[in-house]
Amino acid sequence: MARSADREGVADRLEALLRAIQDFAEVPSLELTPADLGDHLVRLRHGIDLLELGFATDAATFAATDEY
């Protein structure tokens, strides 16, 4: 039963992440100085990299299964 709760927790966290990404994407661009824009882009890229790392890890786990 704990595994089902874990899966539900992960699904809930993913849904929350997707909502947050949607909210972020809908915010109009801010007027930033070039330096602030550079910092913003570095931080945004870091977040994207973390998501890509998580995706790659999960994809590798999935690839090791018999699912297709």
Protein backbone atom coordinates (compact mmCIF):
# COMPACT_ATOMS: atom_id res chain seq x y z
CA MET A 1 0.00 0.00 0.00
CA ALA A 2 2.91 2.34 0.65
CA ARG A 3 3.97 1.98 -2.96
CA SER A 4 0.54 3.13 -4.15
CA ALA A 5 0.76 6.14 -1.84
CA ASP A 6 4.26 6.87 -3.16
CA ARG A 7 2.97 6.75 -6.76
CA GLU A 8 0.10 9.06 -5.89
CA GLY A 9 2.52 11.46 -4.21
CA VAL A 10 4.75 11.52 -7.27
CA ALA A 11 1.75 12.03 -9.55
CA ASP A 12 0.53 14.88 -7.35
CA ARG A 13 3.97 16.50 -7.35
CA LEU A 14 4.18 16.20 -11.13
CA GLU A 15 0.75 17.82 -11.53
CA ALA A 16 1.81 20.66 -9.22
CA LEU A 17 5.01 21.11 -11.24
CA LEU A 18 3.08 21.22 -14.51
CA ARG A 19 0.71 23.84 -13.09
CA ALA A 20 3.65 25.92 -11.88
CA ILE A 21 5.33 25.70 -15.29
CA GLN A 22 2.10 26.74 -17.00
CA ASP A 23 1.72 29.69 -14.62
CA PHE A 24 5.33 30.70 -15.20
CA ALA A 25 4.97 30.48 -18.98
CA GLU A 26 1.85 32.68 -18.95
CA VAL A 27 3.50 35.58 -17.08
CA PRO A 28 4.44 38.38 -19.47
CA SER A 29 8.13 39.10 -19.90
CA LEU A 30 9.52 41.43 -17.29
CA GLU A 31 11.54 44.52 -18.05
CA LEU A 32 14.97 43.44 -16.82
CA THR A 33 18.38 44.98 -17.09
CA PRO A 34 20.78 42.98 -19.26
CA ALA A 35 22.59 41.78 -16.11
CA ASP A 36 19.32 40.71 -14.45
CA LEU A 37 18.17 39.02 -17.64
CA GLY A 38 21.45 37.11 -17.78
CA ASP A 39 21.00 35.95 -14.17
CA HIS A 40 17.40 34.99 -14.93
CA LEU A 41 18.46 32.92 -17.94
CA VAL A 42 21.17 31.12 -15.97
CA ARG A 43 18.69 30.21 -13.23
CA LEU A 44 16.03 29.15 -15.74
CA ARG A 45 18.54 26.95 -17.59
CA HIS A 46 19.53 25.35 -14.28
CA GLY A 47 15.89 24.45 -13.62
CA ILE A 48 15.52 23.04 -17.13
CA ASP A 49 18.71 21.00 -16.64
CA LEU A 50 17.35 19.54 -13.39
CA LEU A 51 14.15 18.53 -15.17
CA GLU A 52 16.12 16.98 -18.03
CA LEU A 53 18.27 15.03 -15.57
CA GLY A 54 15.16 13.69 -13.87
CA PHE A 55 13.68 12.78 -17.24
CA ALA A 56 16.86 10.98 -18.34
CA THR A 57 16.98 9.04 -15.08
CA ASP A 58 13.35 7.95 -15.42
CA ALA A 59 13.83 7.15 -19.12
CA ALA A 60 16.78 4.91 -18.28
CA THR A 61 14.70 3.12 -15.65
CA PHE A 62 11.87 2.69 -18.17
CA ALA A 63 14.27 1.43 -20.85
CA ALA A 64 15.33 -1.36 -18.53
CA THR A 65 11.75 -2.70 -18.45
CA ASP A 66 9.80 -4.75 -20.97
CA GLU A 67 7.36 -1.90 -21.65
CA TYR A 68 7.33 -0.22 -25.03
